Amino acid sequence: MKTCLVVDDSNVVRKLAKRMLEPEMRILEAEDGEDALNVCRKQLPDVILLDWHMPRMNGYQFLLALRELPDGKNPKVVFCTTDTNVANIMRALKSGADEYIIKPFDKAGLENKFREVGVL
């Protein structure tokens, strides 16, 4: 079974994503980039659903740190954000994100993005 790490400072978003993705995937959760980096140092997930705006370490900073870890280029990263700034989206994609989805999202949209990156 594939593993998804949901990284978002909103407990509601983490729980919603978990409900949408289980039982197809095992779900791990992190409240911010620092917590997510600690999770990834122990076990890299197959895919990461990543918020952009978070305290301590934002999603973009996490992405850069993740890609520097041994095998850190392997997890698929789908940014999940309210930010519709095309420049930010392009920066994330050029820095190693695989896809993005705009909040609010629904189950069909999330599953489609995960299919696009090859994890569903």
N, C-alpha and C. Protein backbone atom coordinates (compact mmCIF):
# COMPACT_ATOMS: atom_id res chain seq x y z
N MET A 1 0.84 -1.18 0.00
CA MET A 1 0.00 0.00 0.00
C MET A 1 0.89 1.25 0.00
N LYS A 2 0.56 2.20 -0.85
CA LYS A 2 1.33 3.44 -0.94
C LYS A 2 1.04 4.35 0.25
N THR A 3 2.01 5.21 0.54
CA THR A 3 1.91 6.12 1.67
C THR A 3 1.85 7.56 1.18
N CYS A 4 0.95 8.34 1.77
CA CYS A 4 0.82 9.76 1.47
C CYS A 4 1.06 10.55 2.76
N LEU A 5 1.93 11.54 2.67
CA LEU A 5 2.15 12.48 3.77
C LEU A 5 1.37 13.75 3.46
N VAL A 6 0.42 14.09 4.31
CA VAL A 6 -0.37 15.31 4.16
C VAL A 6 0.23 16.36 5.07
N VAL A 7 0.74 17.44 4.47
CA VAL A 7 1.42 18.50 5.21
C VAL A 7 0.60 19.77 5.10
N ASP A 8 -0.04 20.16 6.21
CA ASP A 8 -0.86 21.36 6.22
C ASP A 8 -1.03 21.80 7.66
N ASP A 9 -0.98 23.12 7.90
CA ASP A 9 -1.16 23.61 9.26
C ASP A 9 -2.62 23.57 9.69
N SER A 10 -3.52 23.28 8.79
CA SER A 10 -4.93 23.15 9.13
C SER A 10 -5.28 21.70 9.42
N ASN A 11 -5.72 21.45 10.63
CA ASN A 11 -6.15 20.11 11.02
C ASN A 11 -7.33 19.67 10.16
N VAL A 12 -8.22 20.60 9.82
CA VAL A 12 -9.39 20.28 9.01
C VAL A 12 -8.97 19.78 7.63
N VAL A 13 -8.01 20.45 7.00
CA VAL A 13 -7.54 20.03 5.67
C VAL A 13 -6.89 18.66 5.76
N ARG A 14 -6.06 18.44 6.79
CA ARG A 14 -5.41 17.13 6.94
C ARG A 14 -6.45 16.02 7.09
N LYS A 15 -7.44 16.24 7.92
CA LYS A 15 -8.47 15.21 8.15
C LYS A 15 -9.32 14.99 6.89
N LEU A 16 -9.63 16.06 6.18
CA LEU A 16 -10.41 15.94 4.95
C LEU A 16 -9.65 15.14 3.91
N ALA A 17 -8.38 15.45 3.72
CA ALA A 17 -7.56 14.71 2.76
C ALA A 17 -7.45 13.24 3.17
N LYS A 18 -7.29 13.02 4.46
CA LYS A 18 -7.20 11.64 4.95
C LYS A 18 -8.48 10.86 4.62
N ARG A 19 -9.63 11.48 4.86
CA ARG A 19 -10.90 10.82 4.56
C ARG A 19 -11.04 10.52 3.07
N MET A 20 -10.55 11.42 2.24
CA MET A 20 -10.67 11.25 0.79
C MET A 20 -9.75 10.15 0.25
N LEU A 21 -8.60 9.98 0.86
CA LEU A 21 -7.59 9.09 0.32
C LEU A 21 -7.58 7.69 0.94
N GLU A 22 -8.09 7.56 2.15
CA GLU A 22 -8.18 6.23 2.74
C GLU A 22 -9.39 5.52 2.15
N PRO A 23 -9.41 4.27 1.92
CA PRO A 23 -8.42 3.26 2.27
C PRO A 23 -7.41 2.97 1.15
N GLU A 24 -7.38 3.78 0.07
CA GLU A 24 -6.45 3.52 -1.03
C GLU A 24 -4.99 3.72 -0.64
N MET A 25 -4.75 4.55 0.37
CA MET A 25 -3.38 4.87 0.78
C MET A 25 -3.29 4.93 2.30
N ARG A 26 -2.09 4.67 2.79
CA ARG A 26 -1.81 4.89 4.21
C ARG A 26 -1.45 6.37 4.35
N ILE A 27 -2.05 7.05 5.32
CA ILE A 27 -1.88 8.50 5.47
C ILE A 27 -1.05 8.83 6.70
N LEU A 28 -0.03 9.66 6.48
CA LEU A 28 0.75 10.27 7.55
C LEU A 28 0.42 11.75 7.54
N GLU A 29 0.59 12.42 8.69
CA GLU A 29 0.26 13.84 8.78
C GLU A 29 1.41 14.63 9.39
N ALA A 30 1.53 15.89 8.96
CA ALA A 30 2.48 16.83 9.55
C ALA A 30 1.85 18.21 9.51
N GLU A 31 2.14 19.01 10.57
CA GLU A 31 1.54 20.34 10.69
C GLU A 31 2.30 21.43 9.95
N ASP A 32 3.56 21.18 9.62
CA ASP A 32 4.35 22.18 8.91
C ASP A 32 5.55 21.49 8.28
N GLY A 33 6.35 22.28 7.57
CA GLY A 33 7.49 21.73 6.86
C GLY A 33 8.52 21.07 7.75
N GLU A 34 8.76 21.63 8.93
CA GLU A 34 9.74 21.03 9.84
C GLU A 34 9.29 19.64 10.28
N ASP A 35 8.02 19.54 10.68
CA ASP A 35 7.50 18.22 11.07
C ASP A 35 7.56 17.24 9.90
N ALA A 36 7.22 17.73 8.70
CA ALA A 36 7.24 16.87 7.52
C ALA A 36 8.65 16.39 7.19
N LEU A 37 9.62 17.26 7.35
CA LEU A 37 11.01 16.87 7.08
C LEU A 37 11.45 15.79 8.06
N ASN A 38 11.04 15.90 9.32
CA ASN A 38 11.36 14.87 10.30
C ASN A 38 10.72 13.53 9.93
N VAL A 39 9.48 13.57 9.46
CA VAL A 39 8.81 12.33 9.02
C VAL A 39 9.59 11.73 7.86
N CYS A 40 9.99 12.56 6.90
CA CYS A 40 10.68 12.06 5.69
C CYS A 40 12.07 11.53 6.01
N ARG A 41 12.70 12.06 7.02
CA ARG A 41 14.02 11.53 7.42
C ARG A 41 13.90 10.11 7.95
N LYS A 42 12.75 9.78 8.53
CA LYS A 42 12.52 8.43 9.06
C LYS A 42 12.02 7.48 7.98
N GLN A 43 11.11 7.97 7.15
CA GLN A 43 10.52 7.13 6.10
C GLN A 43 9.95 8.03 5.01
N LEU A 44 10.47 7.89 3.80
CA LEU A 44 9.95 8.68 2.69
C LEU A 44 8.61 8.11 2.22
N PRO A 45 7.61 8.97 2.10
CA PRO A 45 6.33 8.51 1.55
C PRO A 45 6.40 8.41 0.03
N ASP A 46 5.38 7.84 -0.57
CA ASP A 46 5.30 7.78 -2.02
C ASP A 46 4.87 9.11 -2.62
N VAL A 47 4.02 9.82 -1.90
CA VAL A 47 3.49 11.10 -2.38
C VAL A 47 3.29 12.03 -1.18
N ILE A 48 3.45 13.33 -1.45
CA ILE A 48 3.26 14.35 -0.41
C ILE A 48 2.27 15.37 -0.93
N LEU A 49 1.20 15.59 -0.18
CA LEU A 49 0.23 16.64 -0.44
C LEU A 49 0.66 17.81 0.44
N LEU A 50 1.12 18.90 -0.17
CA LEU A 50 1.89 19.93 0.52
C LEU A 50 1.26 21.30 0.42
N ASP A 51 0.95 21.88 1.58
CA ASP A 51 0.47 23.26 1.65
C ASP A 51 1.64 24.21 1.43
N TRP A 52 1.38 25.38 0.92
CA TRP A 52 2.44 26.38 0.69
C TRP A 52 2.67 27.22 1.94
N HIS A 53 1.61 27.80 2.47
CA HIS A 53 1.73 28.77 3.58
C HIS A 53 1.55 28.07 4.92
N MET A 54 2.68 27.92 5.65
CA MET A 54 2.66 27.29 6.97
C MET A 54 3.69 27.99 7.86
N PRO A 55 3.51 27.91 9.17
CA PRO A 55 4.51 28.50 10.07
C PRO A 55 5.79 27.65 10.11
N ARG A 56 6.81 28.18 10.69
CA ARG A 56 8.13 27.57 10.91
C ARG A 56 8.86 27.27 9.60
N MET A 57 8.33 26.42 8.75
CA MET A 57 8.94 26.13 7.44
C MET A 57 7.80 25.99 6.44
N ASN A 58 7.76 26.85 5.44
CA ASN A 58 6.67 26.78 4.47
C ASN A 58 6.88 25.64 3.48
N GLY A 59 5.90 25.43 2.63
CA GLY A 59 5.95 24.31 1.70
C GLY A 59 7.09 24.39 0.70
N TYR A 60 7.39 25.59 0.23
CA TYR A 60 8.47 25.74 -0.73
C TYR A 60 9.82 25.42 -0.08
N GLN A 61 10.04 25.92 1.13
CA GLN A 61 11.28 25.61 1.85
C GLN A 61 11.40 24.11 2.11
N PHE A 62 10.28 23.48 2.47
CA PHE A 62 10.27 22.04 2.69
C PHE A 62 10.64 21.30 1.40
N LEU A 63 10.05 21.71 0.28
CA LEU A 63 10.33 21.06 -0.99
C LEU A 63 11.82 21.08 -1.31
N LEU A 64 12.45 22.23 -1.13
CA LEU A 64 13.89 22.33 -1.41
C LEU A 64 14.69 21.41 -0.49
N ALA A 65 14.32 21.36 0.80
CA ALA A 65 15.02 20.49 1.75
C ALA A 65 14.77 19.02 1.45
N LEU A 66 13.54 18.67 1.09
CA LEU A 66 13.19 17.29 0.75
C LEU A 66 14.05 16.79 -0.40
N ARG A 67 14.16 17.57 -1.44
CA ARG A 67 14.88 17.14 -2.64
C ARG A 67 16.37 16.98 -2.39
N GLU A 68 16.88 17.50 -1.27
CA GLU A 68 18.29 17.33 -0.89
C GLU A 68 18.54 16.06 -0.07
N LEU A 69 17.48 15.45 0.46
CA LEU A 69 17.63 14.22 1.26
C LEU A 69 18.05 13.07 0.35
N PRO A 70 18.73 12.06 0.91
CA PRO A 70 18.99 10.84 0.12
C PRO A 70 17.64 10.27 -0.34
N ASP A 71 17.51 10.01 -1.60
CA ASP A 71 16.27 9.53 -2.21
C ASP A 71 15.12 10.54 -2.14
N GLY A 72 15.42 11.79 -1.78
CA GLY A 72 14.40 12.81 -1.64
C GLY A 72 13.79 13.27 -2.94
N LYS A 73 14.35 12.81 -4.05
CA LYS A 73 13.75 13.14 -5.34
C LYS A 73 12.65 12.14 -5.72
N ASN A 74 12.53 11.07 -4.95
CA ASN A 74 11.56 10.02 -5.28
C ASN A 74 10.11 10.35 -4.96
N PRO A 75 9.78 10.91 -3.80
CA PRO A 75 8.36 11.16 -3.54
C PRO A 75 7.76 12.14 -4.55
N LYS A 76 6.57 11.85 -4.99
CA LYS A 76 5.82 12.80 -5.81
C LYS A 76 5.29 13.89 -4.87
N VAL A 77 5.35 15.13 -5.31
CA VAL A 77 4.88 16.25 -4.50
C VAL A 77 3.78 16.98 -5.24
N VAL A 78 2.62 17.08 -4.59
CA VAL A 78 1.49 17.82 -5.13
C VAL A 78 1.23 18.98 -4.18
N PHE A 79 1.51 20.20 -4.65
CA PHE A 79 1.21 21.37 -3.83
C PHE A 79 -0.29 21.54 -3.75
N CYS A 80 -0.76 21.88 -2.57
CA CYS A 80 -2.18 22.09 -2.32
C CYS A 80 -2.27 23.46 -1.65
N THR A 81 -2.76 24.46 -2.39
CA THR A 81 -2.65 25.82 -1.90
C THR A 81 -3.83 26.68 -2.32
N THR A 82 -4.03 27.77 -1.61
CA THR A 82 -5.00 28.78 -2.01
C THR A 82 -4.34 29.82 -2.90
N ASP A 83 -3.04 29.74 -3.02
CA ASP A 83 -2.25 30.71 -3.79
C ASP A 83 -2.41 30.44 -5.29
N THR A 84 -3.02 31.37 -5.99
CA THR A 84 -3.21 31.21 -7.44
C THR A 84 -2.17 32.02 -8.22
N ASN A 85 -1.14 32.49 -7.55
CA ASN A 85 -0.07 33.25 -8.19
C ASN A 85 0.71 32.31 -9.11
N VAL A 86 0.60 32.55 -10.41
CA VAL A 86 1.24 31.68 -11.40
C VAL A 86 2.75 31.63 -11.20
N ALA A 87 3.35 32.74 -10.81
CA ALA A 87 4.80 32.77 -10.60
C ALA A 87 5.20 31.80 -9.48
N ASN A 88 4.43 31.75 -8.40
CA ASN A 88 4.73 30.82 -7.31
C ASN A 88 4.55 29.37 -7.75
N ILE A 89 3.49 29.12 -8.51
CA ILE A 89 3.24 27.76 -8.99
C ILE A 89 4.38 27.32 -9.91
N MET A 90 4.80 28.18 -10.81
CA MET A 90 5.90 27.85 -11.73
C MET A 90 7.21 27.64 -10.96
N ARG A 91 7.45 28.46 -9.95
CA ARG A 91 8.66 28.31 -9.13
C ARG A 91 8.66 26.94 -8.44
N ALA A 92 7.52 26.55 -7.91
CA ALA A 92 7.42 25.25 -7.25
C ALA A 92 7.66 24.11 -8.24
N LEU A 93 7.05 24.19 -9.41
CA LEU A 93 7.22 23.13 -10.41
C LEU A 93 8.67 23.06 -10.89
N LYS A 94 9.32 24.19 -11.07
CA LYS A 94 10.72 24.21 -11.49
C LYS A 94 11.65 23.70 -10.40
N SER A 95 11.20 23.77 -9.15
CA SER A 95 12.04 23.34 -8.02
C SER A 95 11.80 21.90 -7.61
N GLY A 96 10.93 21.20 -8.33
CA GLY A 96 10.77 19.78 -8.03
C GLY A 96 9.38 19.32 -7.66
N ALA A 97 8.40 20.23 -7.60
CA ALA A 97 7.02 19.78 -7.39
C ALA A 97 6.53 19.10 -8.65
N ASP A 98 5.68 18.11 -8.50
CA ASP A 98 5.19 17.36 -9.65
C ASP A 98 3.86 17.89 -10.17
N GLU A 99 3.06 18.46 -9.30
CA GLU A 99 1.73 18.94 -9.68
C GLU A 99 1.24 19.89 -8.61
N TYR A 100 0.09 20.50 -8.82
CA TYR A 100 -0.51 21.35 -7.80
C TYR A 100 -2.03 21.25 -7.93
N ILE A 101 -2.69 21.55 -6.81
CA ILE A 101 -4.16 21.60 -6.78
C ILE A 101 -4.52 22.81 -5.94
N ILE A 102 -5.56 23.51 -6.34
CA ILE A 102 -6.00 24.71 -5.64
C ILE A 102 -7.07 24.34 -4.62
N LYS A 103 -6.95 24.89 -3.40
CA LYS A 103 -7.98 24.71 -2.37
C LYS A 103 -9.13 25.66 -2.70
N PRO A 104 -10.34 25.28 -2.38
CA PRO A 104 -10.75 23.98 -1.84
C PRO A 104 -10.76 22.93 -2.95
N PHE A 105 -10.47 21.70 -2.57
CA PHE A 105 -10.43 20.60 -3.53
C PHE A 105 -11.48 19.58 -3.13
N ASP A 106 -11.83 18.72 -4.07
CA ASP A 106 -12.76 17.64 -3.78
C ASP A 106 -12.07 16.30 -4.04
N LYS A 107 -12.74 15.24 -3.70
CA LYS A 107 -12.15 13.91 -3.82
C LYS A 107 -11.77 13.60 -5.27
N ALA A 108 -12.65 13.89 -6.21
CA ALA A 108 -12.37 13.58 -7.62
C ALA A 108 -11.15 14.36 -8.11
N GLY A 109 -11.05 15.64 -7.76
CA GLY A 109 -9.91 16.46 -8.17
C GLY A 109 -8.61 15.96 -7.58
N LEU A 110 -8.64 15.60 -6.31
CA LEU A 110 -7.44 15.10 -5.64
C LEU A 110 -7.02 13.76 -6.25
N GLU A 111 -7.97 12.87 -6.46
CA GLU A 111 -7.64 11.58 -7.06
C GLU A 111 -7.09 11.76 -8.48
N ASN A 112 -7.64 12.69 -9.24
CA ASN A 112 -7.12 12.95 -10.59
C ASN A 112 -5.67 13.42 -10.55
N LYS A 113 -5.34 14.31 -9.63
CA LYS A 113 -3.96 14.78 -9.52
C LYS A 113 -3.03 13.63 -9.14
N PHE A 114 -3.47 12.77 -8.23
CA PHE A 114 -2.65 11.64 -7.82
C PHE A 114 -2.48 10.64 -8.96
N ARG A 115 -3.51 10.49 -9.79
CA ARG A 115 -3.38 9.64 -10.97
C ARG A 115 -2.38 10.25 -11.95
N GLU A 116 -2.45 11.57 -12.13
CA GLU A 116 -1.53 12.25 -13.06
C GLU A 116 -0.07 12.04 -12.68
N VAL A 117 0.21 11.98 -11.38
CA VAL A 117 1.60 11.79 -10.95
C VAL A 117 1.95 10.31 -10.76
N GLY A 118 0.96 9.43 -10.99
CA GLY A 118 1.24 7.99 -10.99
C GLY A 118 1.21 7.28 -9.67
N VAL A 119 0.49 7.83 -8.69
CA VAL A 119 0.44 7.14 -7.39
C VAL A 119 -0.92 6.51 -7.09
N LEU A 120 -1.89 6.72 -7.95
CA LEU A 120 -3.19 6.03 -7.80
C LEU A 120 -3.49 5.25 -9.06
